[in-house]
Amino acid sequence: MASMGRKKLSINRARESMVKLGIYKPEFEPIIEIYSQLLDQYDLLTKEFANSGYSYSEPTLQGSKKAPIVTTIESIRKDILSYASQLGLTPQGLLKADDGAFRKKKGNTLVEALKEVSK
């Protein structure tokens, strides 16, 4: 089970990213919580998979089949991507949340040059 500190870290990281992108709203907290849980589960299962020596398949009477942990990791990976997109944490998700996210902002070149000189 993931520690409470690690869980808080992934929640805070998602929240901070959303705030920086200008798309955070407190109403998203339940979704951020689920997203964080998925990240923690993914990390835990990935470590377990690595500790197994990356055993991708297991023997059966008919030959071999994909190990259940691999199927679970793949499923969680898809869920993480889906939640990240819904939260605006992917390029496509950000575009849906803020259609002007990738537009270049026009700035005063003189002001920009003065800012660079004053650094």
PDB file of N, CA and C in Angstrom:
ATOM      1  N   MET A   1       0.844  -1.188   0.000  1.00  0.00           N
ATOM      2  CA  MET A   1       0.000   0.000   0.000  1.00  0.00           C
ATOM      3  C   MET A   1       0.884   1.244   0.000  1.00  0.00           C
ATOM      4  N   ALA A   2       0.520   2.240  -0.763  1.00  0.00           N
ATOM      5  CA  ALA A   2       1.314   3.461  -0.872  1.00  0.00           C
ATOM      6  C   ALA A   2       1.220   4.255   0.417  1.00  0.00           C
ATOM      7  N   SER A   3       2.305   4.885   0.777  1.00  0.00           N
ATOM      8  CA  SER A   3       2.309   5.670   2.001  1.00  0.00           C
ATOM      9  C   SER A   3       1.488   6.938   1.795  1.00  0.00           C
ATOM     10  N   MET A   4       1.043   7.491   2.911  1.00  0.00           N
ATOM     11  CA  MET A   4       0.225   8.704   2.853  1.00  0.00           C
ATOM     12  C   MET A   4       1.028   9.868   2.266  1.00  0.00           C
ATOM     13  N   GLY A   5       2.332   9.934   2.580  1.00  0.00           N
ATOM     14  CA  GLY A   5       3.173  11.007   2.036  1.00  0.00           C
ATOM     15  C   GLY A   5       3.271  10.951   0.531  1.00  0.00           C
ATOM     16  N   ARG A   6       3.406   9.739  -0.002  1.00  0.00           N
ATOM     17  CA  ARG A   6       3.505   9.569  -1.457  1.00  0.00           C
ATOM     18  C   ARG A   6       2.193   9.947  -2.123  1.00  0.00           C
ATOM     19  N   LYS A   7       1.086   9.577  -1.486  1.00  0.00           N
ATOM     20  CA  LYS A   7      -0.226   9.911  -2.023  1.00  0.00           C
ATOM     21  C   LYS A   7      -0.398  11.435  -2.067  1.00  0.00           C
ATOM     22  N   LYS A   8      -0.020  12.091  -0.987  1.00  0.00           N
ATOM     23  CA  LYS A   8      -0.111  13.556  -0.948  1.00  0.00           C
ATOM     24  C   LYS A   8       0.772  14.177  -2.026  1.00  0.00           C
ATOM     25  N   LEU A   9       1.943  13.576  -2.260  1.00  0.00           N
ATOM     26  CA  LEU A   9       2.863  14.095  -3.269  1.00  0.00           C
ATOM     27  C   LEU A   9       2.227  14.059  -4.651  1.00  0.00           C
ATOM     28  N   SER A  10       1.593  12.945  -5.015  1.00  0.00           N
ATOM     29  CA  SER A  10       0.988  12.870  -6.357  1.00  0.00           C
ATOM     30  C   SER A  10      -0.247  13.761  -6.461  1.00  0.00           C
ATOM     31  N   ILE A  11      -0.984  13.911  -5.392  1.00  0.00           N
ATOM     32  CA  ILE A  11      -2.133  14.828  -5.409  1.00  0.00           C
ATOM     33  C   ILE A  11      -1.632  16.259  -5.584  1.00  0.00           C
ATOM     34  N   ASN A  12      -0.627  16.630  -4.789  1.00  0.00           N
ATOM     35  CA  ASN A  12      -0.089  17.988  -4.867  1.00  0.00           C
ATOM     36  C   ASN A  12       0.535  18.267  -6.228  1.00  0.00           C
ATOM     37  N   ARG A  13       1.218  17.286  -6.780  1.00  0.00           N
ATOM     38  CA  ARG A  13       1.860  17.468  -8.088  1.00  0.00           C
ATOM     39  C   ARG A  13       0.798  17.728  -9.168  1.00  0.00           C
ATOM     40  N   ALA A  14      -0.270  16.954  -9.149  1.00  0.00           N
ATOM     41  CA  ALA A  14      -1.349  17.150 -10.132  1.00  0.00           C
ATOM     42  C   ALA A  14      -2.001  18.517  -9.940  1.00  0.00           C
ATOM     43  N   ARG A  15      -2.291  18.852  -8.688  1.00  0.00           N
ATOM     44  CA  ARG A  15      -2.929  20.137  -8.388  1.00  0.00           C
ATOM     45  C   ARG A  15      -2.039  21.300  -8.828  1.00  0.00           C
ATOM     46  N   GLU A  16      -0.742  21.237  -8.502  1.00  0.00           N
ATOM     47  CA  GLU A  16       0.182  22.309  -8.876  1.00  0.00           C
ATOM     48  C   GLU A  16       0.285  22.455 -10.395  1.00  0.00           C
ATOM     49  N   SER A  17       0.303  21.337 -11.099  1.00  0.00           N
ATOM     50  CA  SER A  17       0.357  21.400 -12.563  1.00  0.00           C
ATOM     51  C   SER A  17      -0.883  22.082 -13.114  1.00  0.00           C
ATOM     52  N   MET A  18      -2.030  21.750 -12.558  1.00  0.00           N
ATOM     53  CA  MET A  18      -3.276  22.346 -13.026  1.00  0.00           C
ATOM     54  C   MET A  18      -3.318  23.838 -12.716  1.00  0.00           C
ATOM     55  N   VAL A  19      -2.825  24.222 -11.547  1.00  0.00           N
ATOM     56  CA  VAL A  19      -2.794  25.643 -11.182  1.00  0.00           C
ATOM     57  C   VAL A  19      -1.883  26.403 -12.150  1.00  0.00           C
ATOM     58  N   LYS A  20      -0.693  25.843 -12.441  1.00  0.00           N
ATOM     59  CA  LYS A  20       0.231  26.494 -13.370  1.00  0.00           C
ATOM     60  C   LYS A  20      -0.388  26.657 -14.752  1.00  0.00           C
ATOM     61  N   LEU A  21      -1.193  25.679 -15.155  1.00  0.00           N
ATOM     62  CA  LEU A  21      -1.840  25.738 -16.466  1.00  0.00           C
ATOM     63  C   LEU A  21      -3.088  26.619 -16.460  1.00  0.00           C
ATOM     64  N   GLY A  22      -3.503  27.041 -15.263  1.00  0.00           N
ATOM     65  CA  GLY A  22      -4.682  27.905 -15.144  1.00  0.00           C
ATOM     66  C   GLY A  22      -6.003  27.177 -15.314  1.00  0.00           C
ATOM     67  N   ILE A  23      -6.025  25.878 -15.013  1.00  0.00           N
ATOM     68  CA  ILE A  23      -7.258  25.101 -15.215  1.00  0.00           C
ATOM     69  C   ILE A  23      -7.758  24.431 -13.938  1.00  0.00           C
ATOM     70  N   TYR A  24      -7.142  24.731 -12.792  1.00  0.00           N
ATOM     71  CA  TYR A  24      -7.544  24.086 -11.532  1.00  0.00           C
ATOM     72  C   TYR A  24      -8.831  24.690 -10.994  1.00  0.00           C
ATOM     73  N   LYS A  25      -9.686  23.824 -10.492  1.00  0.00           N
ATOM     74  CA  LYS A  25     -10.880  24.232  -9.764  1.00  0.00           C
ATOM     75  C   LYS A  25     -11.043  23.255  -8.598  1.00  0.00           C
ATOM     76  N   PRO A  26     -11.437  23.741  -7.432  1.00  0.00           N
ATOM     77  CA  PRO A  26     -11.592  22.857  -6.268  1.00  0.00           C
ATOM     78  C   PRO A  26     -12.581  21.707  -6.525  1.00  0.00           C
ATOM     79  N   GLU A  27     -13.507  21.932  -7.428  1.00  0.00           N
ATOM     80  CA  GLU A  27     -14.492  20.883  -7.746  1.00  0.00           C
ATOM     81  C   GLU A  27     -13.835  19.644  -8.366  1.00  0.00           C
ATOM     82  N   PHE A  28     -12.613  19.775  -8.844  1.00  0.00           N
ATOM     83  CA  PHE A  28     -11.911  18.648  -9.468  1.00  0.00           C
ATOM     84  C   PHE A  28     -11.231  17.733  -8.449  1.00  0.00           C
ATOM     85  N   GLU A  29     -11.247  18.092  -7.178  1.00  0.00           N
ATOM     86  CA  GLU A  29     -10.527  17.320  -6.156  1.00  0.00           C
ATOM     87  C   GLU A  29     -10.871  15.825  -6.147  1.00  0.00           C
ATOM     88  N   PRO A  30     -12.152  15.426  -6.257  1.00  0.00           N
ATOM     89  CA  PRO A  30     -12.429  13.975  -6.274  1.00  0.00           C
ATOM     90  C   PRO A  30     -11.754  13.260  -7.447  1.00  0.00           C
ATOM     91  N   ILE A  31     -11.697  13.908  -8.600  1.00  0.00           N
ATOM     92  CA  ILE A  31     -11.051  13.312  -9.774  1.00  0.00           C
ATOM     93  C   ILE A  31      -9.538  13.283  -9.580  1.00  0.00           C
ATOM     94  N   ILE A  32      -8.992  14.344  -8.987  1.00  0.00           N
ATOM     95  CA  ILE A  32      -7.560  14.377  -8.701  1.00  0.00           C
ATOM     96  C   ILE A  32      -7.202  13.253  -7.731  1.00  0.00           C
ATOM     97  N   GLU A  33      -8.052  12.993  -6.766  1.00  0.00           N
ATOM     98  CA  GLU A  33      -7.838  11.910  -5.788  1.00  0.00           C
ATOM     99  C   GLU A  33      -7.779  10.547  -6.495  1.00  0.00           C
ATOM    100  N   ILE A  34      -8.705  10.294  -7.390  1.00  0.00           N
ATOM    101  CA  ILE A  34      -8.719   9.024  -8.134  1.00  0.00           C
ATOM    102  C   ILE A  34      -7.471   8.920  -9.008  1.00  0.00           C
ATOM    103  N   TYR A  35      -7.133   9.994  -9.687  1.00  0.00           N
ATOM    104  CA  TYR A  35      -5.936  10.035 -10.530  1.00  0.00           C
ATOM    105  C   TYR A  35      -4.694   9.701  -9.699  1.00  0.00           C
ATOM    106  N   SER A  36      -4.601  10.278  -8.526  1.00  0.00           N
ATOM    107  CA  SER A  36      -3.476  10.032  -7.633  1.00  0.00           C
ATOM    108  C   SER A  36      -3.423   8.565  -7.202  1.00  0.00           C
ATOM    109  N   GLN A  37      -4.576   7.994  -6.895  1.00  0.00           N
ATOM    110  CA  GLN A  37      -4.633   6.579  -6.511  1.00  0.00           C
ATOM    111  C   GLN A  37      -4.163   5.693  -7.660  1.00  0.00           C
ATOM    112  N   LEU A  38      -4.569   6.024  -8.868  1.00  0.00           N
ATOM    113  CA  LEU A  38      -4.132   5.249 -10.035  1.00  0.00           C
ATOM    114  C   LEU A  38      -2.611   5.323 -10.206  1.00  0.00           C
ATOM    115  N   LEU A  39      -2.041   6.516 -10.027  1.00  0.00           N
ATOM    116  CA  LEU A  39      -0.594   6.664 -10.133  1.00  0.00           C
ATOM    117  C   LEU A  39       0.126   5.814  -9.084  1.00  0.00           C
ATOM    118  N   ASP A  40      -0.397   5.821  -7.862  1.00  0.00           N
ATOM    119  CA  ASP A  40       0.211   5.033  -6.789  1.00  0.00           C
ATOM    120  C   ASP A  40       0.109   3.533  -7.075  1.00  0.00           C
ATOM    121  N   GLN A  41      -1.048   3.088  -7.568  1.00  0.00           N
ATOM    122  CA  GLN A  41      -1.223   1.674  -7.918  1.00  0.00           C
ATOM    123  C   GLN A  41      -0.273   1.290  -9.046  1.00  0.00           C
ATOM    124  N   TYR A  42      -0.135   2.162 -10.021  1.00  0.00           N
ATOM    125  CA  TYR A  42       0.756   1.896 -11.151  1.00  0.00           C
ATOM    126  C   TYR A  42       2.206   1.758 -10.675  1.00  0.00           C
ATOM    127  N   ASP A  43       2.633   2.671  -9.813  1.00  0.00           N
ATOM    128  CA  ASP A  43       3.999   2.607  -9.275  1.00  0.00           C
ATOM    129  C   ASP A  43       4.230   1.310  -8.505  1.00  0.00           C
ATOM    130  N   LEU A  44       3.269   0.947  -7.670  1.00  0.00           N
ATOM    131  CA  LEU A  44       3.381  -0.274  -6.874  1.00  0.00           C
ATOM    132  C   LEU A  44       3.464  -1.511  -7.764  1.00  0.00           C
ATOM    133  N   LEU A  45       2.575  -1.612  -8.739  1.00  0.00           N
ATOM    134  CA  LEU A  45       2.560  -2.780  -9.624  1.00  0.00           C
ATOM    135  C   LEU A  45       3.794  -2.829 -10.528  1.00  0.00           C
ATOM    136  N   THR A  46       4.265  -1.666 -10.954  1.00  0.00           N
ATOM    137  CA  THR A  46       5.456  -1.632 -11.791  1.00  0.00           C
ATOM    138  C   THR A  46       6.679  -2.122 -11.010  1.00  0.00           C
ATOM    139  N   LYS A  47       6.778  -1.739  -9.745  1.00  0.00           N
ATOM    140  CA  LYS A  47       7.879  -2.225  -8.902  1.00  0.00           C
ATOM    141  C   LYS A  47       7.768  -3.737  -8.707  1.00  0.00           C
ATOM    142  N   GLU A  48       6.552  -4.208  -8.475  1.00  0.00           N
ATOM    143  CA  GLU A  48       6.325  -5.641  -8.301  1.00  0.00           C
ATOM    144  C   GLU A  48       6.699  -6.398  -9.577  1.00  0.00           C
ATOM    145  N   PHE A  49       6.350  -5.842 -10.718  1.00  0.00           N
ATOM    146  CA  PHE A  49       6.679  -6.451 -12.016  1.00  0.00           C
ATOM    147  C   PHE A  49       8.198  -6.484 -12.210  1.00  0.00           C
ATOM    148  N   ALA A  50       8.874  -5.409 -11.853  1.00  0.00           N
ATOM    149  CA  ALA A  50      10.335  -5.362 -11.965  1.00  0.00           C
ATOM    150  C   ALA A  50      10.979  -6.394 -11.041  1.00  0.00           C
ATOM    151  N   ASN A  51      10.439  -6.511  -9.830  1.00  0.00           N
ATOM    152  CA  ASN A  51      10.976  -7.488  -8.871  1.00  0.00           C
ATOM    153  C   ASN A  51      10.770  -8.926  -9.332  1.00  0.00           C
ATOM    154  N   SER A  52       9.788  -9.147 -10.201  1.00  0.00           N
ATOM    155  CA  SER A  52       9.543 -10.500 -10.723  1.00  0.00           C
ATOM    156  C   SER A  52      10.496 -10.820 -11.875  1.00  0.00           C
ATOM    157  N   GLY A  53      11.374  -9.868 -12.194  1.00  0.00           N
ATOM    158  CA  GLY A  53      12.284 -10.070 -13.319  1.00  0.00           C
ATOM    159  C   GLY A  53      11.602  -9.796 -14.642  1.00  0.00           C
ATOM    160  N   TYR A  54      10.561  -8.976 -14.613  1.00  0.00           N
ATOM    161  CA  TYR A  54       9.792  -8.621 -15.807  1.00  0.00           C
ATOM    162  C   TYR A  54       9.246  -9.877 -16.498  1.00  0.00           C
ATOM    163  N   SER A  55       8.692 -10.746 -15.703  1.00  0.00           N
ATOM    164  CA  SER A  55       8.107 -11.976 -16.235  1.00  0.00           C
ATOM    165  C   SER A  55       6.810 -11.632 -16.968  1.00  0.00           C
ATOM    166  N   TYR A  56       6.893 -11.549 -18.286  1.00  0.00           N
ATOM    167  CA  TYR A  56       5.793 -11.081 -19.119  1.00  0.00           C
ATOM    168  C   TYR A  56       4.718 -12.135 -19.335  1.00  0.00           C
ATOM    169  N   SER A  57       5.110 -13.402 -19.366  1.00  0.00           N
ATOM    170  CA  SER A  57       4.131 -14.462 -19.609  1.00  0.00           C
ATOM    171  C   SER A  57       4.294 -15.558 -18.577  1.00  0.00           C
ATOM    172  N   GLU A  58       3.260 -16.388 -18.498  1.00  0.00           N
ATOM    173  CA  GLU A  58       3.317 -17.530 -17.596  1.00  0.00           C
ATOM    174  C   GLU A  58       2.830 -18.764 -18.338  1.00  0.00           C
ATOM    175  N   PRO A  59       3.379 -19.913 -17.973  1.00  0.00           N
ATOM    176  CA  PRO A  59       3.024 -21.139 -18.697  1.00  0.00           C
ATOM    177  C   PRO A  59       1.595 -21.611 -18.393  1.00  0.00           C
ATOM    178  N   THR A  60       0.964 -22.180 -19.408  1.00  0.00           N
ATOM    179  CA  THR A  60      -0.351 -22.803 -19.251  1.00  0.00           C
ATOM    180  C   THR A  60      -0.293 -24.163 -19.932  1.00  0.00           C
ATOM    181  N   LEU A  61      -1.367 -24.920 -19.848  1.00  0.00           N
ATOM    182  CA  LEU A  61      -1.415 -26.221 -20.509  1.00  0.00           C
ATOM    183  C   LEU A  61      -1.359 -26.079 -22.028  1.00  0.00           C
ATOM    184  N   GLN A  62      -1.865 -24.971 -22.555  1.00  0.00           N
ATOM    185  CA  GLN A  62      -1.877 -24.735 -23.996  1.00  0.00           C
ATOM    186  C   GLN A  62      -0.627 -24.008 -24.503  1.00  0.00           C
ATOM    187  N   GLY A  63       0.263 -23.628 -23.633  1.00  0.00           N
ATOM    188  CA  GLY A  63       1.455 -22.879 -24.047  1.00  0.00           C
ATOM    189  C   GLY A  63       1.797 -21.835 -23.001  1.00  0.00           C
ATOM    190  N   SER A  64       1.539 -20.572 -23.330  1.00  0.00           N
ATOM    191  CA  SER A  64       1.759 -19.510 -22.352  1.00  0.00           C
ATOM    192  C   SER A  64       0.749 -18.398 -22.585  1.00  0.00           C
ATOM    193  N   LYS A  65       0.579 -17.591 -21.557  1.00  0.00           N
ATOM    194  CA  LYS A  65      -0.328 -16.450 -21.671  1.00  0.00           C
ATOM    195  C   LYS A  65       0.302 -15.256 -20.969  1.00  0.00           C
ATOM    196  N   LYS A  66      -0.213 -14.083 -21.269  1.00  0.00           N
ATOM    197  CA  LYS A  66       0.285 -12.854 -20.660  1.00  0.00           C
ATOM    198  C   LYS A  66       0.032 -12.920 -19.154  1.00  0.00           C
ATOM    199  N   ALA A  67       1.026 -12.540 -18.386  1.00  0.00           N
ATOM    200  CA  ALA A  67       0.885 -12.532 -16.928  1.00  0.00           C
ATOM    201  C   ALA A  67      -0.202 -11.541 -16.513  1.00  0.00           C
ATOM    202  N   PRO A  68      -1.020 -11.898 -15.526  1.00  0.00           N
ATOM    203  CA  PRO A  68      -2.089 -10.993 -15.082  1.00  0.00           C
ATOM    204  C   PRO A  68      -1.584  -9.607 -14.666  1.00  0.00           C
ATOM    205  N   ILE A  69      -0.396  -9.540 -14.079  1.00  0.00           N
ATOM    206  CA  ILE A  69       0.121  -8.234 -13.665  1.00  0.00           C
ATOM    207  C   ILE A  69       0.368  -7.330 -14.863  1.00  0.00           C
ATOM    208  N   VAL A  70       0.757  -7.906 -15.990  1.00  0.00           N
ATOM    209  CA  VAL A  70       0.997  -7.117 -17.207  1.00  0.00           C
ATOM    210  C   VAL A  70      -0.331  -6.535 -17.706  1.00  0.00           C
ATOM    211  N   THR A  71      -1.362  -7.348 -17.711  1.00  0.00           N
ATOM    212  CA  THR A  71      -2.685  -6.882 -18.138  1.00  0.00           C
ATOM    213  C   THR A  71      -3.173  -5.763 -17.224  1.00  0.00           C
ATOM    214  N   THR A  72      -2.954  -5.930 -15.925  1.00  0.00           N
ATOM    215  CA  THR A  72      -3.392  -4.919 -14.961  1.00  0.00           C
ATOM    216  C   THR A  72      -2.622  -3.619 -15.157  1.00  0.00           C
ATOM    217  N   ILE A  73      -1.311  -3.709 -15.348  1.00  0.00           N
ATOM    218  CA  ILE A  73      -0.495  -2.510 -15.576  1.00  0.00           C
ATOM    219  C   ILE A  73      -0.951  -1.786 -16.838  1.00  0.00           C
ATOM    220  N   GLU A  74      -1.218  -2.541 -17.899  1.00  0.00           N
ATOM    221  CA  GLU A  74      -1.680  -1.922 -19.152  1.00  0.00           C
ATOM    222  C   GLU A  74      -3.013  -1.211 -18.947  1.00  0.00           C
ATOM    223  N   SER A  75      -3.909  -1.830 -18.206  1.00  0.00           N
ATOM    224  CA  SER A  75      -5.218  -1.239 -17.944  1.00  0.00           C
ATOM    225  C   SER A  75      -5.090   0.041 -17.121  1.00  0.00           C
ATOM    226  N   ILE A  76      -4.267  -0.009 -16.081  1.00  0.00           N
ATOM    227  CA  ILE A  76      -4.076   1.174 -15.240  1.00  0.00           C
ATOM    228  C   ILE A  76      -3.422   2.299 -16.045  1.00  0.00           C
ATOM    229  N   ARG A  77      -2.488   1.944 -16.914  1.00  0.00           N
ATOM    230  CA  ARG A  77      -1.826   2.955 -17.755  1.00  0.00           C
ATOM    231  C   ARG A  77      -2.858   3.684 -18.617  1.00  0.00           C
ATOM    232  N   LYS A  78      -3.798   2.937 -19.184  1.00  0.00           N
ATOM    233  CA  LYS A  78      -4.849   3.561 -19.997  1.00  0.00           C
ATOM    234  C   LYS A  78      -5.746   4.454 -19.145  1.00  0.00           C
ATOM    235  N   ASP A  79      -6.067   3.987 -17.929  1.00  0.00           N
ATOM    236  CA  ASP A  79      -6.897   4.784 -17.028  1.00  0.00           C
ATOM    237  C   ASP A  79      -6.185   6.079 -16.625  1.00  0.00           C
ATOM    238  N   ILE A  80      -4.881   5.981 -16.354  1.00  0.00           N
ATOM    239  CA  ILE A  80      -4.106   7.174 -15.984  1.00  0.00           C
ATOM    240  C   ILE A  80      -4.155   8.192 -17.117  1.00  0.00           C
ATOM    241  N   LEU A  81      -3.954   7.731 -18.332  1.00  0.00           N
ATOM    242  CA  LEU A  81      -3.987   8.632 -19.478  1.00  0.00           C
ATOM    243  C   LEU A  81      -5.363   9.281 -19.628  1.00  0.00           C
ATOM    244  N   SER A  82      -6.408   8.509 -19.410  1.00  0.00           N
ATOM    245  CA  SER A  82      -7.764   9.031 -19.510  1.00  0.00           C
ATOM    246  C   SER A  82      -8.025  10.108 -18.447  1.00  0.00           C
ATOM    247  N   TYR A  83      -7.644   9.820 -17.202  1.00  0.00           N
ATOM    248  CA  TYR A  83      -7.852  10.799 -16.130  1.00  0.00           C
ATOM    249  C   TYR A  83      -6.972  12.030 -16.340  1.00  0.00           C
ATOM    250  N   ALA A  84      -5.715  11.833 -16.752  1.00  0.00           N
ATOM    251  CA  ALA A  84      -4.828  12.961 -17.003  1.00  0.00           C
ATOM    252  C   ALA A  84      -5.418  13.861 -18.083  1.00  0.00           C
ATOM    253  N   SER A  85      -5.981  13.253 -19.111  1.00  0.00           N
ATOM    254  CA  SER A  85      -6.596  14.028 -20.189  1.00  0.00           C
ATOM    255  C   SER A  85      -7.804  14.806 -19.668  1.00  0.00           C
ATOM    256  N   GLN A  86      -8.635  14.147 -18.863  1.00  0.00           N
ATOM    257  CA  GLN A  86      -9.816  14.825 -18.306  1.00  0.00           C
ATOM    258  C   GLN A  86      -9.438  16.002 -17.414  1.00  0.00           C
ATOM    259  N   LEU A  87      -8.288  15.878 -16.742  1.00  0.00           N
ATOM    260  CA  LEU A  87      -7.830  16.949 -15.859  1.00  0.00           C
ATOM    261  C   LEU A  87      -7.048  18.036 -16.599  1.00  0.00           C
ATOM    262  N   GLY A  88      -6.843  17.843 -17.896  1.00  0.00           N
ATOM    263  CA  GLY A  88      -6.115  18.828 -18.679  1.00  0.00           C
ATOM    264  C   GLY A  88      -4.608  18.695 -18.547  1.00  0.00           C
ATOM    265  N   LEU A  89      -4.131  17.518 -18.164  1.00  0.00           N
ATOM    266  CA  LEU A  89      -2.710  17.303 -17.944  1.00  0.00           C
ATOM    267  C   LEU A  89      -2.009  16.639 -19.131  1.00  0.00           C
ATOM    268  N   THR A  90      -2.699  16.554 -20.252  1.00  0.00           N
ATOM    269  CA  THR A  90      -2.097  16.102 -21.507  1.00  0.00           C
ATOM    270  C   THR A  90      -2.321  17.224 -22.525  1.00  0.00           C
ATOM    271  N   PRO A  91      -1.544  17.254 -23.587  1.00  0.00           N
ATOM    272  CA  PRO A  91      -1.765  18.319 -24.585  1.00  0.00           C
ATOM    273  C   PRO A  91      -3.205  18.350 -25.109  1.00  0.00           C
ATOM    274  N   GLN A  92      -3.755  17.191 -25.437  1.00  0.00           N
ATOM    275  CA  GLN A  92      -5.125  17.149 -25.950  1.00  0.00           C
ATOM    276  C   GLN A  92      -6.127  17.567 -24.872  1.00  0.00           C
ATOM    277  N   GLY A  93      -5.910  17.100 -23.654  1.00  0.00           N
ATOM    278  CA  GLY A  93      -6.802  17.469 -22.558  1.00  0.00           C
ATOM    279  C   GLY A  93      -6.733  18.951 -22.244  1.00  0.00           C
ATOM    280  N   LEU A  94      -5.536  19.514 -22.308  1.00  0.00           N
ATOM    281  CA  LEU A  94      -5.372  20.943 -22.060  1.00  0.00           C
ATOM    282  C   LEU A  94      -6.084  21.762 -23.124  1.00  0.00           C
ATOM    283  N   LEU A  95      -5.995  21.319 -24.362  1.00  0.00           N
ATOM    284  CA  LEU A  95      -6.688  22.021 -25.448  1.00  0.00           C
ATOM    285  C   LEU A  95      -8.195  22.022 -25.233  1.00  0.00           C
ATOM    286  N   LYS A  96      -8.728  20.904 -24.720  1.00  0.00           N
ATOM    287  CA  LYS A  96     -10.172  20.844 -24.445  1.00  0.00           C
ATOM    288  C   LYS A  96     -10.544  21.775 -23.292  1.00  0.00           C
ATOM    289  N   ALA A  97      -9.655  21.887 -22.302  1.00  0.00           N
ATOM    290  CA  ALA A  97      -9.936  22.736 -21.145  1.00  0.00           C
ATOM    291  C   ALA A  97      -9.720  24.215 -21.456  1.00  0.00           C
ATOM    292  N   ASP A  98      -8.745  24.496 -22.316  1.00  0.00           N
ATOM    293  CA  ASP A  98      -8.401  25.885 -22.643  1.00  0.00           C
ATOM    294  C   ASP A  98      -7.974  25.929 -24.107  1.00  0.00           C
ATOM    295  N   ASP A  99      -8.902  26.294 -24.970  1.00  0.00           N
ATOM    296  CA  ASP A  99      -8.610  26.243 -26.410  1.00  0.00           C
ATOM    297  C   ASP A  99      -7.539  27.238 -26.849  1.00  0.00           C
ATOM    298  N   GLY A 100      -7.165  28.156 -25.989  1.00  0.00           N
ATOM    299  CA  GLY A 100      -6.106  29.102 -26.323  1.00  0.00           C
ATOM    300  C   GLY A 100      -4.775  28.744 -25.679  1.00  0.00           C
ATOM    301  N   ALA A 101      -4.675  27.544 -25.133  1.00  0.00           N
ATOM    302  CA  ALA A 101      -3.490  27.153 -24.369  1.00  0.00           C
ATOM    303  C   ALA A 101      -2.203  27.172 -25.184  1.00  0.00           C
ATOM    304  N   PHE A 102      -2.292  26.903 -26.467  1.00  0.00           N
ATOM    305  CA  PHE A 102      -1.086  26.808 -27.278  1.00  0.00           C
ATOM    306  C   PHE A 102      -0.885  27.998 -28.212  1.00  0.00           C
ATOM    307  N   ARG A 103      -1.713  28.995 -28.075  1.00  0.00           N
ATOM    308  CA  ARG A 103      -1.530  30.196 -28.887  1.00  0.00           C
ATOM    309  C   ARG A 103      -0.370  30.994 -28.327  1.00  0.00           C
ATOM    310  N   LYS A 104       0.426  31.521 -29.215  1.00  0.00           N
ATOM    311  CA  LYS A 104       1.531  32.365 -28.769  1.00  0.00           C
ATOM    312  C   LYS A 104       0.960  33.698 -28.336  1.00  0.00           C
ATOM    313  N   LYS A 105       1.435  34.119 -27.185  1.00  0.00           N
ATOM    314  CA  LYS A 105       0.988  35.408 -26.680  1.00  0.00           C
ATOM    315  C   LYS A 105       1.860  36.502 -27.288  1.00  0.00           C
ATOM    316  N   LYS A 106       1.196  37.496 -27.826  1.00  0.00           N
ATOM    317  CA  LYS A 106       1.938  38.612 -28.402  1.00  0.00           C
ATOM    318  C   LYS A 106       2.375  39.522 -27.262  1.00  0.00           C
ATOM    319  N   GLY A 107       3.641  39.812 -27.255  1.00  0.00           N
ATOM    320  CA  GLY A 107       4.162  40.704 -26.227  1.00  0.00           C
ATOM    321  C   GLY A 107       4.877  41.865 -26.858  1.00  0.00           C
ATOM    322  N   ASN A 108       5.073  42.860 -26.079  1.00  0.00           N
ATOM    323  CA  ASN A 108       5.806  44.023 -26.524  1.00  0.00           C
ATOM    324  C   ASN A 108       7.282  43.647 -26.546  1.00  0.00           C
ATOM    325  N   THR A 109       7.898  43.667 -27.709  1.00  0.00           N
ATOM    326  CA  THR A 109       9.291  43.239 -27.827  1.00  0.00           C
ATOM    327  C   THR A 109      10.235  44.132 -27.041  1.00  0.00           C
ATOM    328  N   LEU A 110       9.927  45.405 -26.921  1.00  0.00           N
ATOM    329  CA  LEU A 110      10.755  46.309 -26.137  1.00  0.00           C
ATOM    330  C   LEU A 110      10.705  45.913 -24.664  1.00  0.00           C
ATOM    331  N   VAL A 111       9.531  45.643 -24.175  1.00  0.00           N
ATOM    332  CA  VAL A 111       9.358  45.234 -22.771  1.00  0.00           C
ATOM    333  C   VAL A 111      10.105  43.914 -22.534  1.00  0.00           C
ATOM    334  N   GLU A 112       9.986  42.983 -23.445  1.00  0.00           N
ATOM    335  CA  GLU A 112      10.673  41.687 -23.317  1.00  0.00           C
ATOM    336  C   GLU A 112      12.181  41.880 -23.289  1.00  0.00           C
ATOM    337  N   ALA A 113      12.706  42.734 -24.162  1.00  0.00           N
ATOM    338  CA  ALA A 113      14.139  42.992 -24.221  1.00  0.00           C
ATOM    339  C   ALA A 113      14.637  43.633 -22.934  1.00  0.00           C
ATOM    340  N   LEU A 114      13.862  44.568 -22.388  1.00  0.00           N
ATOM    341  CA  LEU A 114      14.235  45.212 -21.129  1.00  0.00           C
ATOM    342  C   LEU A 114      14.227  44.214 -19.973  1.00  0.00           C
ATOM    343  N   LYS A 115      13.291  43.289 -19.983  1.00  0.00           N
ATOM    344  CA  LYS A 115      13.240  42.257 -18.948  1.00  0.00           C
ATOM    345  C   LYS A 115      14.485  41.392 -19.000  1.00  0.00           C
ATOM    346  N   GLU A 116      14.912  41.031 -20.208  1.00  0.00           N
ATOM    347  CA  GLU A 116      16.101  40.196 -20.373  1.00  0.00           C
ATOM    348  C   GLU A 116      17.346  40.932 -19.917  1.00  0.00           C
ATOM    349  N   VAL A 117      17.438  42.217 -20.216  1.00  0.00           N
ATOM    350  CA  VAL A 117      18.607  43.003 -19.849  1.00  0.00           C
ATOM    351  C   VAL A 117      18.685  43.179 -18.336  1.00  0.00           C
ATOM    352  N   SER A 118      17.542  43.309 -17.692  1.00  0.00           N
ATOM    353  CA  SER A 118      17.526  43.578 -16.244  1.00  0.00           C
ATOM    354  C   SER A 118      17.781  42.329 -15.404  1.00  0.00           C
ATOM    355  N   LYS A 119      17.871  41.154 -16.018  1.00  0.00           N
ATOM    356  CA  LYS A 119      18.103  39.921 -15.244  1.00  0.00           C
ATOM    357  C   LYS A 119      19.501  39.805 -14.777  1.00  0.00           C
TER     358      LYS A 119
END
